[in-house]
Amino acid sequence: MEASLDDAKLKALLKETLVELLEERRDEFSDLLLEALEDLAFSRAIREGEDTGLVDKREILKIIAGQA
C-alpha cells in the first residue's frame, strides 16, 4: 500500500504541526525568532556601515566617554 498526501492534507498537517510547536515549545520558538531578527538587524547594520567613511578611534572614544 502506498501512502500519499494531497495538497490540502499536507497543508493541514503542516499547520497542525506549527500550532503544536508554538503551543508546546513557545520559549524555544521565541528564542529562535529573536535570534533570527537580531541576525537580520546585524547584517543590515554591517551593510550600511560599508557605505560610510571611516571614523577616528579617538572620536569614538570621546562619544563613549560622553565628551562629544
PDB file of N, CA and C in Angstrom:
ATOM      1  N   MET A   1       0.838  -1.177   0.000  1.00  0.00           N
ATOM      2  CA  MET A   1       0.000   0.000   0.000  1.00  0.00           C
ATOM      3  C   MET A   1       0.886   1.243   0.000  1.00  0.00           C
ATOM      4  N   GLU A   2       0.550   2.197  -0.824  1.00  0.00           N
ATOM      5  CA  GLU A   2       1.335   3.421  -0.955  1.00  0.00           C
ATOM      6  C   GLU A   2       0.649   4.563  -0.226  1.00  0.00           C
ATOM      7  N   ALA A   3       1.418   5.286   0.602  1.00  0.00           N
ATOM      8  CA  ALA A   3       0.877   6.427   1.332  1.00  0.00           C
ATOM      9  C   ALA A   3       1.058   7.682   0.496  1.00  0.00           C
ATOM     10  N   SER A   4       0.025   8.501   0.456  1.00  0.00           N
ATOM     11  CA  SER A   4       0.142   9.753  -0.279  1.00  0.00           C
ATOM     12  C   SER A   4      -0.688  10.830   0.411  1.00  0.00           C
ATOM     13  N   LEU A   5      -0.264  12.061   0.217  1.00  0.00           N
ATOM     14  CA  LEU A   5      -0.970  13.212   0.767  1.00  0.00           C
ATOM     15  C   LEU A   5      -1.285  14.175  -0.357  1.00  0.00           C
ATOM     16  N   ASP A   6      -2.510  14.634  -0.381  1.00  0.00           N
ATOM     17  CA  ASP A   6      -2.797  15.676  -1.359  1.00  0.00           C
ATOM     18  C   ASP A   6      -2.408  17.024  -0.748  1.00  0.00           C
ATOM     19  N   ASP A   7      -2.457  18.061  -1.535  1.00  0.00           N
ATOM     20  CA  ASP A   7      -2.014  19.384  -1.083  1.00  0.00           C
ATOM     21  C   ASP A   7      -2.779  19.862   0.151  1.00  0.00           C
ATOM     22  N   ALA A   8      -4.065  19.656   0.171  1.00  0.00           N
ATOM     23  CA  ALA A   8      -4.883  20.120   1.296  1.00  0.00           C
ATOM     24  C   ALA A   8      -4.512  19.389   2.581  1.00  0.00           C
ATOM     25  N   LYS A   9      -4.316  18.079   2.488  1.00  0.00           N
ATOM     26  CA  LYS A   9      -3.942  17.302   3.677  1.00  0.00           C
ATOM     27  C   LYS A   9      -2.556  17.692   4.167  1.00  0.00           C
ATOM     28  N   LEU A  10      -1.641  17.907   3.238  1.00  0.00           N
ATOM     29  CA  LEU A  10      -0.281  18.305   3.611  1.00  0.00           C
ATOM     30  C   LEU A  10      -0.291  19.675   4.285  1.00  0.00           C
ATOM     31  N   LYS A  11      -1.054  20.596   3.742  1.00  0.00           N
ATOM     32  CA  LYS A  11      -1.161  21.935   4.324  1.00  0.00           C
ATOM     33  C   LYS A  11      -1.749  21.858   5.731  1.00  0.00           C
ATOM     34  N   ALA A  12      -2.777  21.061   5.918  1.00  0.00           N
ATOM     35  CA  ALA A  12      -3.397  20.910   7.236  1.00  0.00           C
ATOM     36  C   ALA A  12      -2.419  20.290   8.222  1.00  0.00           C
ATOM     37  N   LEU A  13      -1.666  19.309   7.783  1.00  0.00           N
ATOM     38  CA  LEU A  13      -0.684  18.658   8.649  1.00  0.00           C
ATOM     39  C   LEU A  13       0.422  19.629   9.055  1.00  0.00           C
ATOM     40  N   LEU A  14       0.908  20.426   8.123  1.00  0.00           N
ATOM     41  CA  LEU A  14       1.934  21.420   8.437  1.00  0.00           C
ATOM     42  C   LEU A  14       1.404  22.479   9.395  1.00  0.00           C
ATOM     43  N   LYS A  15       0.181  22.912   9.165  1.00  0.00           N
ATOM     44  CA  LYS A  15      -0.434  23.906  10.037  1.00  0.00           C
ATOM     45  C   LYS A  15      -0.589  23.360  11.449  1.00  0.00           C
ATOM     46  N   GLU A  16      -1.053  22.137  11.565  1.00  0.00           N
ATOM     47  CA  GLU A  16      -1.211  21.500  12.869  1.00  0.00           C
ATOM     48  C   GLU A  16       0.133  21.365  13.583  1.00  0.00           C
ATOM     49  N   THR A  17       1.160  21.022  12.839  1.00  0.00           N
ATOM     50  CA  THR A  17       2.498  20.874  13.412  1.00  0.00           C
ATOM     51  C   THR A  17       3.024  22.210  13.924  1.00  0.00           C
ATOM     52  N   LEU A  18       2.838  23.277  13.156  1.00  0.00           N
ATOM     53  CA  LEU A  18       3.288  24.601  13.579  1.00  0.00           C
ATOM     54  C   LEU A  18       2.540  25.075  14.814  1.00  0.00           C
ATOM     55  N   VAL A  19       1.241  24.850  14.862  1.00  0.00           N
ATOM     56  CA  VAL A  19       0.449  25.247  16.023  1.00  0.00           C
ATOM     57  C   VAL A  19       0.932  24.486  17.252  1.00  0.00           C
ATOM     58  N   GLU A  20       1.169  23.201  17.092  1.00  0.00           N
ATOM     59  CA  GLU A  20       1.668  22.385  18.197  1.00  0.00           C
ATOM     60  C   GLU A  20       3.035  22.881  18.667  1.00  0.00           C
ATOM     61  N   LEU A  21       3.898  23.230  17.731  1.00  0.00           N
ATOM     62  CA  LEU A  21       5.216  23.762  18.075  1.00  0.00           C
ATOM     63  C   LEU A  21       5.075  25.055  18.881  1.00  0.00           C
ATOM     64  N   LEU A  22       4.213  25.942  18.433  1.00  0.00           N
ATOM     65  CA  LEU A  22       4.022  27.215  19.133  1.00  0.00           C
ATOM     66  C   LEU A  22       3.426  27.016  20.521  1.00  0.00           C
ATOM     67  N   GLU A  23       2.529  26.079  20.660  1.00  0.00           N
ATOM     68  CA  GLU A  23       1.890  25.849  21.958  1.00  0.00           C
ATOM     69  C   GLU A  23       2.818  25.146  22.939  1.00  0.00           C
ATOM     70  N   GLU A  24       3.534  24.139  22.479  1.00  0.00           N
ATOM     71  CA  GLU A  24       4.318  23.304  23.382  1.00  0.00           C
ATOM     72  C   GLU A  24       5.742  23.793  23.594  1.00  0.00           C
ATOM     73  N   ARG A  25       6.271  24.510  22.646  1.00  0.00           N
ATOM     74  CA  ARG A  25       7.660  24.963  22.747  1.00  0.00           C
ATOM     75  C   ARG A  25       7.759  26.454  22.466  1.00  0.00           C
ATOM     76  N   ARG A  26       6.908  27.202  23.094  1.00  0.00           N
ATOM     77  CA  ARG A  26       6.833  28.641  22.864  1.00  0.00           C
ATOM     78  C   ARG A  26       8.164  29.329  23.138  1.00  0.00           C
ATOM     79  N   ASP A  27       8.816  28.988  24.251  1.00  0.00           N
ATOM     80  CA  ASP A  27      10.076  29.645  24.617  1.00  0.00           C
ATOM     81  C   ASP A  27      11.167  29.390  23.582  1.00  0.00           C
ATOM     82  N   GLU A  28      11.303  28.126  23.157  1.00  0.00           N
ATOM     83  CA  GLU A  28      12.336  27.802  22.175  1.00  0.00           C
ATOM     84  C   GLU A  28      12.065  28.502  20.848  1.00  0.00           C
ATOM     85  N   PHE A  29      10.796  28.509  20.436  1.00  0.00           N
ATOM     86  CA  PHE A  29      10.433  29.162  19.183  1.00  0.00           C
ATOM     87  C   PHE A  29      10.670  30.664  19.270  1.00  0.00           C
ATOM     88  N   SER A  30      10.321  31.244  20.406  1.00  0.00           N
ATOM     89  CA  SER A  30      10.522  32.673  20.619  1.00  0.00           C
ATOM     90  C   SER A  30      12.011  33.026  20.568  1.00  0.00           C
ATOM     91  N   ASP A  31      12.843  32.219  21.222  1.00  0.00           N
ATOM     92  CA  ASP A  31      14.295  32.446  21.192  1.00  0.00           C
ATOM     93  C   ASP A  31      14.851  32.348  19.779  1.00  0.00           C
ATOM     94  N   LEU A  32      14.368  31.367  19.035  1.00  0.00           N
ATOM     95  CA  LEU A  32      14.819  31.181  17.661  1.00  0.00           C
ATOM     96  C   LEU A  32      14.442  32.370  16.790  1.00  0.00           C
ATOM     97  N   LEU A  33      13.215  32.849  16.942  1.00  0.00           N
ATOM     98  CA  LEU A  33      12.757  34.000  16.167  1.00  0.00           C
ATOM     99  C   LEU A  33      13.533  35.262  16.532  1.00  0.00           C
ATOM    100  N   LEU A  34      13.763  35.469  17.822  1.00  0.00           N
ATOM    101  CA  LEU A  34      14.525  36.632  18.272  1.00  0.00           C
ATOM    102  C   LEU A  34      15.946  36.604  17.708  1.00  0.00           C
ATOM    103  N   GLU A  35      16.563  35.444  17.735  1.00  0.00           N
ATOM    104  CA  GLU A  35      17.923  35.314  17.209  1.00  0.00           C
ATOM    105  C   GLU A  35      17.970  35.614  15.707  1.00  0.00           C
ATOM    106  N   ALA A  36      16.975  35.143  14.980  1.00  0.00           N
ATOM    107  CA  ALA A  36      16.917  35.408  13.539  1.00  0.00           C
ATOM    108  C   ALA A  36      16.762  36.899  13.262  1.00  0.00           C
ATOM    109  N   LEU A  37      15.910  37.578  14.039  1.00  0.00           N
ATOM    110  CA  LEU A  37      15.728  39.016  13.864  1.00  0.00           C
ATOM    111  C   LEU A  37      16.996  39.793  14.208  1.00  0.00           C
ATOM    112  N   GLU A  38      17.700  39.369  15.258  1.00  0.00           N
ATOM    113  CA  GLU A  38      18.962  40.020  15.614  1.00  0.00           C
ATOM    114  C   GLU A  38      19.993  39.848  14.502  1.00  0.00           C
ATOM    115  N   ASP A  39      20.042  38.659  13.918  1.00  0.00           N
ATOM    116  CA  ASP A  39      20.973  38.415  12.817  1.00  0.00           C
ATOM    117  C   ASP A  39      20.659  39.305  11.624  1.00  0.00           C
ATOM    118  N   LEU A  40      19.374  39.462  11.315  1.00  0.00           N
ATOM    119  CA  LEU A  40      18.979  40.345  10.208  1.00  0.00           C
ATOM    120  C   LEU A  40      19.373  41.790  10.479  1.00  0.00           C
ATOM    121  N   ALA A  41      19.130  42.256  11.693  1.00  0.00           N
ATOM    122  CA  ALA A  41      19.487  43.635  12.040  1.00  0.00           C
ATOM    123  C   ALA A  41      20.996  43.842  11.993  1.00  0.00           C
ATOM    124  N   PHE A  42      21.736  42.867  12.469  1.00  0.00           N
ATOM    125  CA  PHE A  42      23.192  42.962  12.460  1.00  0.00           C
ATOM    126  C   PHE A  42      23.740  42.998  11.034  1.00  0.00           C
ATOM    127  N   SER A  43      23.210  42.148  10.171  1.00  0.00           N
ATOM    128  CA  SER A  43      23.690  42.140   8.785  1.00  0.00           C
ATOM    129  C   SER A  43      23.327  43.439   8.072  1.00  0.00           C
ATOM    130  N   ARG A  44      22.155  44.003   8.396  1.00  0.00           N
ATOM    131  CA  ARG A  44      21.761  45.286   7.805  1.00  0.00           C
ATOM    132  C   ARG A  44      22.705  46.401   8.269  1.00  0.00           C
ATOM    133  N   ALA A  45      23.059  46.396   9.553  1.00  0.00           N
ATOM    134  CA  ALA A  45      23.971  47.414  10.088  1.00  0.00           C
ATOM    135  C   ALA A  45      25.348  47.295   9.433  1.00  0.00           C
ATOM    136  N   ILE A  46      25.790  46.084   9.210  1.00  0.00           N
ATOM    137  CA  ILE A  46      27.085  45.884   8.543  1.00  0.00           C
ATOM    138  C   ILE A  46      27.034  46.452   7.131  1.00  0.00           C
ATOM    139  N   ARG A  47      25.962  46.148   6.387  1.00  0.00           N
ATOM    140  CA  ARG A  47      25.843  46.661   5.014  1.00  0.00           C
ATOM    141  C   ARG A  47      25.806  48.190   4.987  1.00  0.00           C
ATOM    142  N   GLU A  48      25.071  48.777   5.923  1.00  0.00           N
ATOM    143  CA  GLU A  48      25.005  50.235   5.986  1.00  0.00           C
ATOM    144  C   GLU A  48      26.367  50.826   6.349  1.00  0.00           C
ATOM    145  N   GLY A  49      27.078  50.161   7.230  1.00  0.00           N
ATOM    146  CA  GLY A  49      28.398  50.624   7.651  1.00  0.00           C
ATOM    147  C   GLY A  49      29.424  50.556   6.536  1.00  0.00           C
ATOM    148  N   GLU A  50      29.246  49.639   5.615  1.00  0.00           N
ATOM    149  CA  GLU A  50      30.183  49.515   4.498  1.00  0.00           C
ATOM    150  C   GLU A  50      30.116  50.722   3.568  1.00  0.00           C
ATOM    151  N   ASP A  51      29.005  51.440   3.605  1.00  0.00           N
ATOM    152  CA  ASP A  51      28.814  52.595   2.721  1.00  0.00           C
ATOM    153  C   ASP A  51      29.226  53.917   3.370  1.00  0.00           C
ATOM    154  N   THR A  52      29.703  53.878   4.608  1.00  0.00           N
ATOM    155  CA  THR A  52      30.098  55.105   5.289  1.00  0.00           C
ATOM    156  C   THR A  52      31.622  55.182   5.375  1.00  0.00           C
ATOM    157  N   GLY A  53      32.097  56.382   5.653  1.00  0.00           N
ATOM    158  CA  GLY A  53      33.536  56.585   5.772  1.00  0.00           C
ATOM    159  C   GLY A  53      34.066  56.104   7.119  1.00  0.00           C
ATOM    160  N   LEU A  54      35.364  56.055   7.209  1.00  0.00           N
ATOM    161  CA  LEU A  54      35.995  55.646   8.454  1.00  0.00           C
ATOM    162  C   LEU A  54      35.965  56.784   9.468  1.00  0.00           C
ATOM    163  N   VAL A  55      35.953  56.422  10.737  1.00  0.00           N
ATOM    164  CA  VAL A  55      35.919  57.401  11.818  1.00  0.00           C
ATOM    165  C   VAL A  55      37.150  57.183  12.685  1.00  0.00           C
ATOM    166  N   ASP A  56      37.712  58.280  13.156  1.00  0.00           N
ATOM    167  CA  ASP A  56      38.894  58.199  14.001  1.00  0.00           C
ATOM    168  C   ASP A  56      38.545  57.545  15.343  1.00  0.00           C
ATOM    169  N   LYS A  57      39.406  56.684  15.809  1.00  0.00           N
ATOM    170  CA  LYS A  57      39.179  55.963  17.061  1.00  0.00           C
ATOM    171  C   LYS A  57      38.991  56.921  18.236  1.00  0.00           C
ATOM    172  N   ARG A  58      39.739  58.010  18.258  1.00  0.00           N
ATOM    173  CA  ARG A  58      39.616  58.981  19.356  1.00  0.00           C
ATOM    174  C   ARG A  58      38.221  59.591  19.411  1.00  0.00           C
ATOM    175  N   GLU A  59      37.612  59.830  18.250  1.00  0.00           N
ATOM    176  CA  GLU A  59      36.259  60.375  18.205  1.00  0.00           C
ATOM    177  C   GLU A  59      35.248  59.396  18.805  1.00  0.00           C
ATOM    178  N   ILE A  60      35.419  58.141  18.492  1.00  0.00           N
ATOM    179  CA  ILE A  60      34.534  57.112  19.046  1.00  0.00           C
ATOM    180  C   ILE A  60      34.682  57.051  20.561  1.00  0.00           C
ATOM    181  N   LEU A  61      35.900  57.074  21.045  1.00  0.00           N
ATOM    182  CA  LEU A  61      36.140  57.006  22.493  1.00  0.00           C
ATOM    183  C   LEU A  61      35.574  58.232  23.193  1.00  0.00           C
ATOM    184  N   LYS A  62      35.621  59.375  22.541  1.00  0.00           N
ATOM    185  CA  LYS A  62      35.024  60.585  23.124  1.00  0.00           C
ATOM    186  C   LYS A  62      33.502  60.421  23.250  1.00  0.00           C
ATOM    187  N   ILE A  63      32.876  59.872  22.228  1.00  0.00           N
ATOM    188  CA  ILE A  63      31.432  59.657  22.248  1.00  0.00           C
ATOM    189  C   ILE A  63      31.071  58.692  23.373  1.00  0.00           C
ATOM    190  N   ILE A  64      31.836  57.617  23.486  1.00  0.00           N
ATOM    191  CA  ILE A  64      31.573  56.630  24.537  1.00  0.00           C
ATOM    192  C   ILE A  64      31.743  57.258  25.919  1.00  0.00           C
ATOM    193  N   ALA A  65      32.732  58.097  26.079  1.00  0.00           N
ATOM    194  CA  ALA A  65      33.002  58.731  27.368  1.00  0.00           C
ATOM    195  C   ALA A  65      32.046  59.895  27.643  1.00  0.00           C
ATOM    196  N   GLY A  66      31.226  60.265  26.675  1.00  0.00           N
ATOM    197  CA  GLY A  66      30.274  61.351  26.877  1.00  0.00           C
ATOM    198  C   GLY A  66      30.895  62.723  26.721  1.00  0.00           C
ATOM    199  N   GLN A  67      32.015  62.815  26.003  1.00  0.00           N
ATOM    200  CA  GLN A  67      32.711  64.090  25.842  1.00  0.00           C
ATOM    201  C   GLN A  67      32.445  64.730  24.490  1.00  0.00           C
ATOM    202  N   ALA A  68      31.610  64.146  23.712  1.00  0.00           N
ATOM    203  CA  ALA A  68      31.380  64.692  22.367  1.00  0.00           C
ATOM    204  C   ALA A  68      30.289  65.728  22.368  1.00  0.00           C
TER     205      ALA A  68
END
